[in-house]
PDB file of N, CA and C in Angstrom:
ATOM      1  N   MET A   1    -149.663  65.271 209.302  1.00  0.00           N
ATOM      2  CA  MET A   1    -150.973  65.196 208.717  1.00  0.00           C
ATOM      3  C   MET A   1    -152.041  65.087 209.816  1.00  0.00           C
ATOM      4  N   ASN A   2    -152.974  65.974 209.835  1.00  0.00           N
ATOM      5  CA  ASN A   2    -154.052  65.919 210.869  1.00  0.00           C
ATOM      6  C   ASN A   2    -155.006  64.853 210.449  1.00  0.00           C
ATOM      7  N   ALA A   3    -155.973  64.569 211.461  1.00  0.00           N
ATOM      8  CA  ALA A   3    -156.877  63.463 211.348  1.00  0.00           C
ATOM      9  C   ALA A   3    -157.843  63.681 210.120  1.00  0.00           C
ATOM     10  N   ASN A   4    -158.239  64.838 209.832  1.00  0.00           N
ATOM     11  CA  ASN A   4    -159.151  65.046 208.703  1.00  0.00           C
ATOM     12  C   ASN A   4    -158.266  64.814 207.374  1.00  0.00           C
ATOM     13  N   GLN A   5    -157.118  65.203 207.286  1.00  0.00           N
ATOM     14  CA  GLN A   5    -156.325  64.993 206.052  1.00  0.00           C
ATOM     15  C   GLN A   5    -156.059  63.470 205.957  1.00  0.00           C
ATOM     16  N   ALA A   6    -155.786  62.768 207.061  1.00  0.00           N
ATOM     17  CA  ALA A   6    -155.588  61.338 206.984  1.00  0.00           C
ATOM     18  C   ALA A   6    -156.822  60.684 206.408  1.00  0.00           C
ATOM     19  N   LEU A   7    -157.996  61.064 206.894  1.00  0.00           N
ATOM     20  CA  LEU A   7    -159.277  60.456 206.432  1.00  0.00           C
ATOM     21  C   LEU A   7    -159.515  60.766 204.934  1.00  0.00           C
ATOM     22  N   LEU A   8    -159.283  61.979 204.548  1.00  0.00           N
ATOM     23  CA  LEU A   8    -159.471  62.416 203.184  1.00  0.00           C
ATOM     24  C   LEU A   8    -158.506  61.568 202.233  1.00  0.00           C
ATOM     25  N   SER A   9    -157.240  61.429 202.708  1.00  0.00           N
ATOM     26  CA  SER A   9    -156.247  60.783 201.900  1.00  0.00           C
ATOM     27  C   SER A   9    -156.601  59.284 201.799  1.00  0.00           C
ATOM     28  N   PHE A  10    -156.975  58.600 202.815  1.00  0.00           N
ATOM     29  CA  PHE A  10    -157.397  57.253 202.775  1.00  0.00           C
ATOM     30  C   PHE A  10    -158.646  57.038 201.915  1.00  0.00           C
ATOM     31  N   SER A  11    -159.602  57.926 202.059  1.00  0.00           N
ATOM     32  CA  SER A  11    -160.836  57.895 201.269  1.00  0.00           C
ATOM     33  C   SER A  11    -160.577  57.979 199.808  1.00  0.00           C
ATOM     34  N   ASP A  12    -159.680  58.793 199.396  1.00  0.00           N
ATOM     35  CA  ASP A  12    -159.212  58.952 197.944  1.00  0.00           C
ATOM     36  C   ASP A  12    -158.593  57.595 197.443  1.00  0.00           C
ATOM     37  N   ILE A  13    -157.806  57.050 198.283  1.00  0.00           N
ATOM     38  CA  ILE A  13    -157.082  55.744 197.986  1.00  0.00           C
ATOM     39  C   ILE A  13    -158.228  54.699 197.845  1.00  0.00           C
ATOM     40  N   ALA A  14    -159.144  54.632 198.720  1.00  0.00           N
ATOM     41  CA  ALA A  14    -160.127  53.605 198.757  1.00  0.00           C
ATOM     42  C   ALA A  14    -161.106  53.730 197.520  1.00  0.00           C
ATOM     43  N   SER A  15    -161.515  54.980 197.241  1.00  0.00           N
ATOM     44  CA  SER A  15    -162.269  55.302 196.082  1.00  0.00           C
ATOM     45  C   SER A  15    -161.611  54.869 194.757  1.00  0.00           C
ATOM     46  N   GLU A  16    -160.315  55.172 194.691  1.00  0.00           N
ATOM     47  CA  GLU A  16    -159.620  54.716 193.423  1.00  0.00           C
ATOM     48  C   GLU A  16    -159.529  53.220 193.369  1.00  0.00           C
ATOM     49  N   ALA A  17    -159.337  52.527 194.428  1.00  0.00           N
ATOM     50  CA  ALA A  17    -159.358  51.033 194.427  1.00  0.00           C
ATOM     51  C   ALA A  17    -160.774  50.537 194.130  1.00  0.00           C
ATOM     52  N   HIS A  18    -161.770  51.212 194.718  1.00  0.00           N
ATOM     53  CA  HIS A  18    -163.180  50.794 194.382  1.00  0.00           C
ATOM     54  C   HIS A  18    -163.410  50.813 192.906  1.00  0.00           C
ATOM     55  N   ALA A  19    -163.039  51.968 192.203  1.00  0.00           N
ATOM     56  CA  ALA A  19    -163.264  52.026 190.813  1.00  0.00           C
ATOM     57  C   ALA A  19    -162.571  50.979 190.005  1.00  0.00           C
ATOM     58  N   LYS A  20    -161.349  50.598 190.385  1.00  0.00           N
ATOM     59  CA  LYS A  20    -160.631  49.583 189.664  1.00  0.00           C
ATOM     60  C   LYS A  20    -161.241  48.193 189.905  1.00  0.00           C
ATOM     61  N   ILE A  21    -161.766  47.962 191.105  1.00  0.00           N
ATOM     62  CA  ILE A  21    -162.415  46.645 191.390  1.00  0.00           C
ATOM     63  C   ILE A  21    -163.642  46.487 190.489  1.00  0.00           C
ATOM     64  N   GLN A  22    -164.494  47.658 190.498  1.00  0.00           N
ATOM     65  CA  GLN A  22    -165.711  47.578 189.603  1.00  0.00           C
ATOM     66  C   GLN A  22    -165.419  47.315 188.154  1.00  0.00           C
ATOM     67  N   GLN A  23    -164.227  47.779 187.734  1.00  0.00           N
ATOM     68  CA  GLN A  23    -163.877  47.537 186.195  1.00  0.00           C
ATOM     69  C   GLN A  23    -163.570  46.078 186.151  1.00  0.00           C
ATOM     70  N   ASP A  24    -162.829  45.519 187.056  1.00  0.00           N
ATOM     71  CA  ASP A  24    -162.216  44.246 186.964  1.00  0.00           C
ATOM     72  C   ASP A  24    -163.126  43.023 187.426  1.00  0.00           C
ATOM     73  N   PHE A  25    -164.000  43.295 188.266  1.00  0.00           N
ATOM     74  CA  PHE A  25    -164.861  42.273 188.917  1.00  0.00           C
ATOM     75  C   PHE A  25    -166.306  42.660 188.889  1.00  0.00           C
ATOM     76  N   ALA A  26    -167.005  42.089 187.961  1.00  0.00           N
ATOM     77  CA  ALA A  26    -168.427  42.475 187.888  1.00  0.00           C
ATOM     78  C   ALA A  26    -169.263  41.960 189.084  1.00  0.00           C
ATOM     79  N   ASP A  27    -168.755  40.914 189.760  1.00  0.00           N
ATOM     80  CA  ASP A  27    -169.570  40.363 190.883  1.00  0.00           C
ATOM     81  C   ASP A  27    -169.145  40.975 192.179  1.00  0.00           C
ATOM     82  N   ILE A  28    -168.234  41.842 192.299  1.00  0.00           N
ATOM     83  CA  ILE A  28    -167.843  42.506 193.499  1.00  0.00           C
ATOM     84  C   ILE A  28    -168.200  43.982 193.441  1.00  0.00           C
ATOM     85  N   ASN A  29    -169.117  44.413 194.227  1.00  0.00           N
ATOM     86  CA  ASN A  29    -169.518  45.780 194.260  1.00  0.00           C
ATOM     87  C   ASN A  29    -169.390  46.265 195.679  1.00  0.00           C
ATOM     88  N   PRO A  30    -168.202  46.601 196.115  1.00  0.00           N
ATOM     89  CA  PRO A  30    -168.014  47.001 197.458  1.00  0.00           C
ATOM     90  C   PRO A  30    -168.664  48.303 197.815  1.00  0.00           C
ATOM     91  N   VAL A  31    -169.035  48.449 199.075  1.00  0.00           N
ATOM     92  CA  VAL A  31    -169.724  49.727 199.576  1.00  0.00           C
ATOM     93  C   VAL A  31    -168.737  50.265 200.547  1.00  0.00           C
ATOM     94  N   ILE A  32    -168.361  51.583 200.356  1.00  0.00           N
ATOM     95  CA  ILE A  32    -167.424  52.214 201.228  1.00  0.00           C
ATOM     96  C   ILE A  32    -168.159  53.205 202.093  1.00  0.00           C
ATOM     97  N   GLY A  33    -167.976  53.137 203.356  1.00  0.00           N
ATOM     98  CA  GLY A  33    -168.584  54.003 204.233  1.00  0.00           C
ATOM     99  C   GLY A  33    -167.668  54.666 205.273  1.00  0.00           C
ATOM    100  N   VAL A  34    -167.927  55.906 205.722  1.00  0.00           N
ATOM    101  CA  VAL A  34    -167.099  56.532 206.709  1.00  0.00           C
ATOM    102  C   VAL A  34    -167.954  56.771 207.937  1.00  0.00           C
ATOM    103  N   MET A  35    -167.425  56.342 209.034  1.00  0.00           N
ATOM    104  CA  MET A  35    -168.163  56.483 210.359  1.00  0.00           C
ATOM    105  C   MET A  35    -167.272  57.348 211.281  1.00  0.00           C
ATOM    106  N   GLN A  36    -167.845  58.366 211.802  1.00  0.00           N
ATOM    107  CA  GLN A  36    -167.229  59.200 212.791  1.00  0.00           C
ATOM    108  C   GLN A  36    -167.833  59.101 214.105  1.00  0.00           C
ATOM    109  N   GLY A  37    -168.585  57.971 214.309  1.00  0.00           N
ATOM    110  CA  GLY A  37    -169.314  57.790 215.673  1.00  0.00           C
ATOM    111  C   GLY A  37    -168.323  57.638 216.849  1.00  0.00           C
ATOM    112  N   MET A  38    -167.122  57.140 216.510  1.00  0.00           N
ATOM    113  CA  MET A  38    -166.198  56.978 217.684  1.00  0.00           C
ATOM    114  C   MET A  38    -165.757  58.345 218.266  1.00  0.00           C
ATOM    115  N   ARG A  39    -165.702  59.324 217.283  1.00  0.00           N
ATOM    116  CA  ARG A  39    -165.421  60.700 217.790  1.00  0.00           C
ATOM    117  C   ARG A  39    -166.505  61.180 218.694  1.00  0.00           C
ATOM    118  N   LYS A  40    -167.748  60.852 218.365  1.00  0.00           N
ATOM    119  CA  LYS A  40    -168.866  61.355 219.160  1.00  0.00           C
ATOM    120  C   LYS A  40    -168.921  60.662 220.543  1.00  0.00           C
ATOM    121  N   MET A  41    -168.273  59.502 220.618  1.00  0.00           N
ATOM    122  CA  MET A  41    -168.142  58.864 221.955  1.00  0.00           C
ATOM    123  C   MET A  41    -166.903  59.269 222.649  1.00  0.00           C
ATOM    124  N   GLY A  42    -166.079  60.141 222.108  1.00  0.00           N
ATOM    125  CA  GLY A  42    -164.977  60.648 222.773  1.00  0.00           C
ATOM    126  C   GLY A  42    -163.613  59.851 222.431  1.00  0.00           C
ATOM    127  N   ILE A  43    -163.684  59.058 221.338  1.00  0.00           N
ATOM    128  CA  ILE A  43    -162.520  58.202 220.957  1.00  0.00           C
ATOM    129  C   ILE A  43    -161.922  58.925 219.782  1.00  0.00           C
ATOM    130  N   PRO A  44    -160.663  59.386 219.859  1.00  0.00           N
ATOM    131  CA  PRO A  44    -160.139  60.175 218.720  1.00  0.00           C
ATOM    132  C   PRO A  44    -159.776  59.327 217.523  1.00  0.00           C
ATOM    133  N   ALA A  45    -160.711  58.779 216.804  1.00  0.00           N
ATOM    134  CA  ALA A  45    -160.480  57.941 215.629  1.00  0.00           C
ATOM    135  C   ALA A  45    -161.644  58.054 214.674  1.00  0.00           C
ATOM    136  N   ASP A  46    -161.298  57.830 213.358  1.00  0.00           N
ATOM    137  CA  ASP A  46    -162.292  57.638 212.278  1.00  0.00           C
ATOM    138  C   ASP A  46    -162.271  56.212 211.834  1.00  0.00           C
ATOM    139  N   VAL A  47    -163.362  55.818 211.367  1.00  0.00           N
ATOM    140  CA  VAL A  47    -163.446  54.336 210.837  1.00  0.00           C
ATOM    141  C   VAL A  47    -164.065  54.457 209.437  1.00  0.00           C
ATOM    142  N   LEU A  48    -163.323  53.664 208.634  1.00  0.00           N
ATOM    143  CA  LEU A  48    -163.806  53.483 207.236  1.00  0.00           C
ATOM    144  C   LEU A  48    -164.121  52.069 207.097  1.00  0.00           C
ATOM    145  N   THR A  49    -165.262  51.686 206.480  1.00  0.00           N
ATOM    146  CA  THR A  49    -165.635  50.336 206.233  1.00  0.00           C
ATOM    147  C   THR A  49    -165.741  50.107 204.696  1.00  0.00           C
ATOM    148  N   ILE A  50    -165.334  48.877 204.306  1.00  0.00           N
ATOM    149  CA  ILE A  50    -165.556  48.445 202.927  1.00  0.00           C
ATOM    150  C   ILE A  50    -166.292  47.213 203.066  1.00  0.00           C
ATOM    151  N   ASP A  51    -167.570  47.229 202.573  1.00  0.00           N
ATOM    152  CA  ASP A  51    -168.439  46.124 202.752  1.00  0.00           C
ATOM    153  C   ASP A  51    -168.782  45.388 201.407  1.00  0.00           C
ATOM    154  N   CYS A  52    -168.892  44.086 201.519  1.00  0.00           N
ATOM    155  CA  CYS A  52    -169.450  43.262 200.424  1.00  0.00           C
ATOM    156  C   CYS A  52    -170.866  42.846 201.006  1.00  0.00           C
ATOM    157  N   LEU A  53    -171.869  43.443 200.429  1.00  0.00           N
ATOM    158  CA  LEU A  53    -173.212  43.212 200.981  1.00  0.00           C
ATOM    159  C   LEU A  53    -173.715  41.777 200.905  1.00  0.00           C
ATOM    160  N   PRO A  54    -173.547  41.068 199.726  1.00  0.00           N
ATOM    161  CA  PRO A  54    -174.067  39.709 199.700  1.00  0.00           C
ATOM    162  C   PRO A  54    -173.462  38.781 200.727  1.00  0.00           C
ATOM    163  N   SER A  55    -172.058  38.896 200.888  1.00  0.00           N
ATOM    164  CA  SER A  55    -171.447  37.962 201.841  1.00  0.00           C
ATOM    165  C   SER A  55    -171.312  38.443 203.234  1.00  0.00           C
ATOM    166  N   LYS A  56    -171.661  39.775 203.487  1.00  0.00           N
ATOM    167  CA  LYS A  56    -171.529  40.423 204.804  1.00  0.00           C
ATOM    168  C   LYS A  56    -170.020  40.539 205.256  1.00  0.00           C
ATOM    169  N   LYS A  57    -169.113  40.274 204.280  1.00  0.00           N
ATOM    170  CA  LYS A  57    -167.737  40.562 204.590  1.00  0.00           C
ATOM    171  C   LYS A  57    -167.423  42.035 204.718  1.00  0.00           C
ATOM    172  N   ARG A  58    -166.523  42.308 205.652  1.00  0.00           N
ATOM    173  CA  ARG A  58    -166.280  43.774 205.835  1.00  0.00           C
ATOM    174  C   ARG A  58    -164.735  43.910 206.139  1.00  0.00           C
ATOM    175  N   ILE A  59    -164.200  44.952 205.457  1.00  0.00           N
ATOM    176  CA  ILE A  59    -162.810  45.306 205.781  1.00  0.00           C
ATOM    177  C   ILE A  59    -162.895  46.613 206.674  1.00  0.00           C
ATOM    178  N   LEU A  60    -162.537  46.521 207.956  1.00  0.00           N
ATOM    179  CA  LEU A  60    -162.641  47.648 208.818  1.00  0.00           C
ATOM    180  C   LEU A  60    -161.387  48.356 208.949  1.00  0.00           C
ATOM    181  N   VAL A  61    -161.266  49.640 208.712  1.00  0.00           N
ATOM    182  CA  VAL A  61    -160.047  50.419 208.717  1.00  0.00           C
ATOM    183  C   VAL A  61    -160.218  51.501 209.799  1.00  0.00           C
ATOM    184  N   VAL A  62    -159.276  51.657 210.733  1.00  0.00           N
ATOM    185  CA  VAL A  62    -159.314  52.652 211.803  1.00  0.00           C
ATOM    186  C   VAL A  62    -158.071  53.522 211.562  1.00  0.00           C
ATOM    187  N   LEU A  63    -158.453  54.849 211.596  1.00  0.00           N
ATOM    188  CA  LEU A  63    -157.372  55.942 211.594  1.00  0.00           C
ATOM    189  C   LEU A  63    -157.468  56.563 212.914  1.00  0.00           C
ATOM    190  N   HIS A  64    -156.520  56.293 213.803  1.00  0.00           N
ATOM    191  CA  HIS A  64    -156.551  56.798 215.232  1.00  0.00           C
ATOM    192  C   HIS A  64    -155.587  57.942 215.291  1.00  0.00           C
ATOM    193  N   ASP A  65    -156.102  58.976 215.953  1.00  0.00           N
ATOM    194  CA  ASP A  65    -155.296  60.187 216.140  1.00  0.00           C
ATOM    195  C   ASP A  65    -154.072  59.884 216.977  1.00  0.00           C
ATOM    196  N   GLU A  66    -154.098  58.985 217.808  1.00  0.00           N
ATOM    197  CA  GLU A  66    -152.911  58.648 218.692  1.00  0.00           C
ATOM    198  C   GLU A  66    -151.857  57.804 217.962  1.00  0.00           C
ATOM    199  N   HIS A  67    -152.240  57.340 216.730  1.00  0.00           N
ATOM    200  CA  HIS A  67    -151.194  56.597 215.960  1.00  0.00           C
ATOM    201  C   HIS A  67    -151.126  57.249 214.554  1.00  0.00           C
ATOM    202  N   PRO A  68    -150.686  58.566 214.512  1.00  0.00           N
ATOM    203  CA  PRO A  68    -150.609  59.122 213.151  1.00  0.00           C
ATOM    204  C   PRO A  68    -149.578  58.386 212.346  1.00  0.00           C
ATOM    205  N   GLY A  69    -149.967  58.302 211.062  1.00  0.00           N
ATOM    206  CA  GLY A  69    -149.046  57.627 210.126  1.00  0.00           C
ATOM    207  C   GLY A  69    -149.259  56.193 210.099  1.00  0.00           C
ATOM    208  N   LEU A  70    -150.262  55.621 210.870  1.00  0.00           N
ATOM    209  CA  LEU A  70    -150.502  54.170 210.800  1.00  0.00           C
ATOM    210  C   LEU A  70    -152.033  53.974 210.406  1.00  0.00           C
ATOM    211  N   ILE A  71    -152.265  52.983 209.655  1.00  0.00           N
ATOM    212  CA  ILE A  71    -153.542  52.494 209.267  1.00  0.00           C
ATOM    213  C   ILE A  71    -153.757  51.133 209.833  1.00  0.00           C
ATOM    214  N   GLN A  72    -154.766  50.992 210.795  1.00  0.00           N
ATOM    215  CA  GLN A  72    -155.045  49.743 211.328  1.00  0.00           C
ATOM    216  C   GLN A  72    -156.313  49.191 210.603  1.00  0.00           C
ATOM    217  N   TYR A  73    -156.195  47.873 210.398  1.00  0.00           N
ATOM    218  CA  TYR A  73    -157.363  47.268 209.650  1.00  0.00           C
ATOM    219  C   TYR A  73    -157.590  45.780 210.093  1.00  0.00           C
ATOM    220  N   GLN A  74    -158.800  45.357 209.857  1.00  0.00           N
ATOM    221  CA  GLN A  74    -159.006  43.944 210.051  1.00  0.00           C
ATOM    222  C   GLN A  74    -160.136  43.449 209.067  1.00  0.00           C
ATOM    223  N   TYR A  75    -160.134  42.212 208.789  1.00  0.00           N
ATOM    224  CA  TYR A  75    -161.139  41.559 207.950  1.00  0.00           C
ATOM    225  C   TYR A  75    -162.173  40.890 208.964  1.00  0.00           C
ATOM    226  N   THR A  76    -163.390  41.373 208.779  1.00  0.00           N
ATOM    227  CA  THR A  76    -164.397  40.908 209.642  1.00  0.00           C
ATOM    228  C   THR A  76    -165.748  40.797 208.902  1.00  0.00           C
ATOM    229  N   PHE A  77    -166.842  40.821 209.632  1.00  0.00           N
ATOM    230  CA  PHE A  77    -168.148  40.684 208.881  1.00  0.00           C
ATOM    231  C   PHE A  77    -169.063  41.837 209.543  1.00  0.00           C
ATOM    232  N   SER A  78    -169.885  42.260 208.709  1.00  0.00           N
ATOM    233  CA  SER A  78    -170.697  43.439 209.087  1.00  0.00           C
ATOM    234  C   SER A  78    -171.774  43.079 210.167  1.00  0.00           C
ATOM    235  N   ASP A  79    -172.094  41.823 210.254  1.00  0.00           N
ATOM    236  CA  ASP A  79    -173.089  41.393 211.262  1.00  0.00           C
ATOM    237  C   ASP A  79    -172.453  40.878 212.547  1.00  0.00           C
ATOM    238  N   GLN A  80    -171.127  41.159 212.649  1.00  0.00           N
ATOM    239  CA  GLN A  80    -170.361  40.724 213.868  1.00  0.00           C
ATOM    240  C   GLN A  80    -169.614  41.814 214.441  1.00  0.00           C
ATOM    241  N   ASP A  81    -169.426  41.777 215.802  1.00  0.00           N
ATOM    242  CA  ASP A  81    -168.576  42.751 216.422  1.00  0.00           C
ATOM    243  C   ASP A  81    -167.123  42.459 216.061  1.00  0.00           C
ATOM    244  N   PRO A  82    -166.369  43.523 215.735  1.00  0.00           N
ATOM    245  CA  PRO A  82    -164.976  43.253 215.378  1.00  0.00           C
ATOM    246  C   PRO A  82    -164.174  42.836 216.687  1.00  0.00           C
ATOM    247  N   GLY A  83    -163.079  42.136 216.351  1.00  0.00           N
ATOM    248  CA  GLY A  83    -162.253  41.655 217.401  1.00  0.00           C
ATOM    249  C   GLY A  83    -161.176  42.777 217.726  1.00  0.00           C
ATOM    250  N   ASN A  84    -160.140  42.298 218.528  1.00  0.00           N
ATOM    251  CA  ASN A  84    -159.063  43.156 218.778  1.00  0.00           C
ATOM    252  C   ASN A  84    -157.826  42.953 217.892  1.00  0.00           C
ATOM    253  N   ASP A  85    -157.955  42.076 216.956  1.00  0.00           N
ATOM    254  CA  ASP A  85    -156.782  41.625 216.118  1.00  0.00           C
ATOM    255  C   ASP A  85    -156.676  42.424 214.870  1.00  0.00           C
ATOM    256  N   TYR A  86    -156.236  43.772 215.071  1.00  0.00           N
ATOM    257  CA  TYR A  86    -156.043  44.546 213.939  1.00  0.00           C
ATOM    258  C   TYR A  86    -154.552  44.276 213.445  1.00  0.00           C
ATOM    259  N   GLN A  87    -154.406  44.458 212.107  1.00  0.00           N
ATOM    260  CA  GLN A  87    -153.136  44.608 211.452  1.00  0.00           C
ATOM    261  C   GLN A  87    -152.827  45.975 211.271  1.00  0.00           C
ATOM    262  N   ALA A  88    -151.592  46.353 211.087  1.00  0.00           N
ATOM    263  CA  ALA A  88    -151.245  47.721 210.866  1.00  0.00           C
ATOM    264  C   ALA A  88    -150.224  47.900 209.842  1.00  0.00           C
ATOM    265  N   MET A  89    -150.303  48.996 209.085  1.00  0.00           N
ATOM    266  CA  MET A  89    -149.456  49.344 208.036  1.00  0.00           C
ATOM    267  C   MET A  89    -149.091  50.824 208.165  1.00  0.00           C
ATOM    268  N   LYS A  90    -147.927  51.210 207.768  1.00  0.00           N
ATOM    269  CA  LYS A  90    -147.666  52.652 207.685  1.00  0.00           C
ATOM    270  C   LYS A  90    -148.560  53.212 206.586  1.00  0.00           C
ATOM    271  N   SER A  91    -149.149  54.336 206.876  1.00  0.00           N
ATOM    272  CA  SER A  91    -149.989  55.040 205.877  1.00  0.00           C
ATOM    273  C   SER A  91    -149.270  55.287 204.642  1.00  0.00           C
ATOM    274  N   SER A  92    -147.992  55.571 204.651  1.00  0.00           N
ATOM    275  CA  SER A  92    -147.210  55.881 203.433  1.00  0.00           C
ATOM    276  C   SER A  92    -147.116  54.604 202.514  1.00  0.00           C
ATOM    277  N   ASP A  93    -147.258  53.399 203.131  1.00  0.00           N
ATOM    278  CA  ASP A  93    -147.185  52.150 202.438  1.00  0.00           C
ATOM    279  C   ASP A  93    -148.463  51.652 201.795  1.00  0.00           C
ATOM    280  N   VAL A  94    -149.518  52.326 202.107  1.00  0.00           N
ATOM    281  CA  VAL A  94    -150.864  51.900 201.682  1.00  0.00           C
ATOM    282  C   VAL A  94    -151.204  52.676 200.439  1.00  0.00           C
ATOM    283  N   THR A  95    -151.422  52.036 199.295  1.00  0.00           N
ATOM    284  CA  THR A  95    -151.763  52.675 198.033  1.00  0.00           C
ATOM    285  C   THR A  95    -153.158  52.092 197.606  1.00  0.00           C
ATOM    286  N   SER A  96    -153.625  52.638 196.496  1.00  0.00           N
ATOM    287  CA  SER A  96    -154.837  52.075 195.983  1.00  0.00           C
ATOM    288  C   SER A  96    -154.697  50.645 195.532  1.00  0.00           C
ATOM    289  N   ASP A  97    -153.447  50.242 195.167  1.00  0.00           N
ATOM    290  CA  ASP A  97    -153.264  48.826 194.770  1.00  0.00           C
ATOM    291  C   ASP A  97    -153.339  47.935 196.033  1.00  0.00           C
ATOM    292  N   THR A  98    -152.915  48.514 197.207  1.00  0.00           N
ATOM    293  CA  THR A  98    -152.925  47.747 198.408  1.00  0.00           C
ATOM    294  C   THR A  98    -154.402  47.415 198.774  1.00  0.00           C
ATOM    295  N   VAL A  99    -155.258  48.478 198.765  1.00  0.00           N
ATOM    296  CA  VAL A  99    -156.637  48.364 199.055  1.00  0.00           C
ATOM    297  C   VAL A  99    -157.366  47.512 198.035  1.00  0.00           C
ATOM    298  N   TYR A 100    -156.932  47.621 196.820  1.00  0.00           N
ATOM    299  CA  TYR A 100    -157.525  46.821 195.705  1.00  0.00           C
ATOM    300  C   TYR A 100    -157.270  45.317 196.054  1.00  0.00           C
ATOM    301  N   ASP A 101    -156.031  45.005 196.433  1.00  0.00           N
ATOM    302  CA  ASP A 101    -155.755  43.649 196.775  1.00  0.00           C
ATOM    303  C   ASP A 101    -156.476  43.174 198.021  1.00  0.00           C
ATOM    304  N   TRP A 102    -156.689  44.038 199.016  1.00  0.00           N
ATOM    305  CA  TRP A 102    -157.491  43.605 200.254  1.00  0.00           C
ATOM    306  C   TRP A 102    -158.870  43.189 199.697  1.00  0.00           C
ATOM    307  N   ILE A 103    -159.518  43.976 198.836  1.00  0.00           N
ATOM    308  CA  ILE A 103    -160.821  43.794 198.428  1.00  0.00           C
ATOM    309  C   ILE A 103    -160.931  42.548 197.551  1.00  0.00           C
ATOM    310  N   LYS A 104    -159.956  42.434 196.695  1.00  0.00           N
ATOM    311  CA  LYS A 104    -159.970  41.342 195.713  1.00  0.00           C
ATOM    312  C   LYS A 104    -159.820  40.004 196.530  1.00  0.00           C
ATOM    313  N   ASP A 105    -158.769  40.019 197.444  1.00  0.00           N
ATOM    314  CA  ASP A 105    -158.461  38.713 198.156  1.00  0.00           C
ATOM    315  C   ASP A 105    -159.575  38.348 199.114  1.00  0.00           C
ATOM    316  N   TYR A 106    -160.114  39.278 199.857  1.00  0.00           N
ATOM    317  CA  TYR A 106    -161.142  38.965 200.890  1.00  0.00           C
ATOM    318  C   TYR A 106    -162.482  38.807 200.315  1.00  0.00           C
ATOM    319  N   PHE A 107    -162.941  39.557 199.249  1.00  0.00           N
ATOM    320  CA  PHE A 107    -164.340  39.401 198.801  1.00  0.00           C
ATOM    321  C   PHE A 107    -164.544  38.472 197.682  1.00  0.00           C
ATOM    322  N   SER A 108    -163.469  38.061 196.985  1.00  0.00           N
ATOM    323  CA  SER A 108    -163.728  37.065 195.877  1.00  0.00           C
ATOM    324  C   SER A 108    -163.351  35.608 196.309  1.00  0.00           C
TER     325      SER A 108
END
């Protein structure tokens, strides 16, 4: 799977989780964003953010070309620089239910 396919696949998973969260939790309205600024700086990776605007909580997801098949993520805040303590999962293990649980557990 190339980088663009990995990004599209994860975006679809995140969108599905987002729709389920909005159905189940009226008080959680996550905002999903895709940033390709790392590529513009010469780093072969895409970043996807899932933000809870009121709390400034952020789930930062990195899809790095040098680690195909892995999704790296961390729980952080939108107003703070992320640390280096990423967790990783095989892409094949990440489903919309996984992302749903991330959002539910961290944002509520």
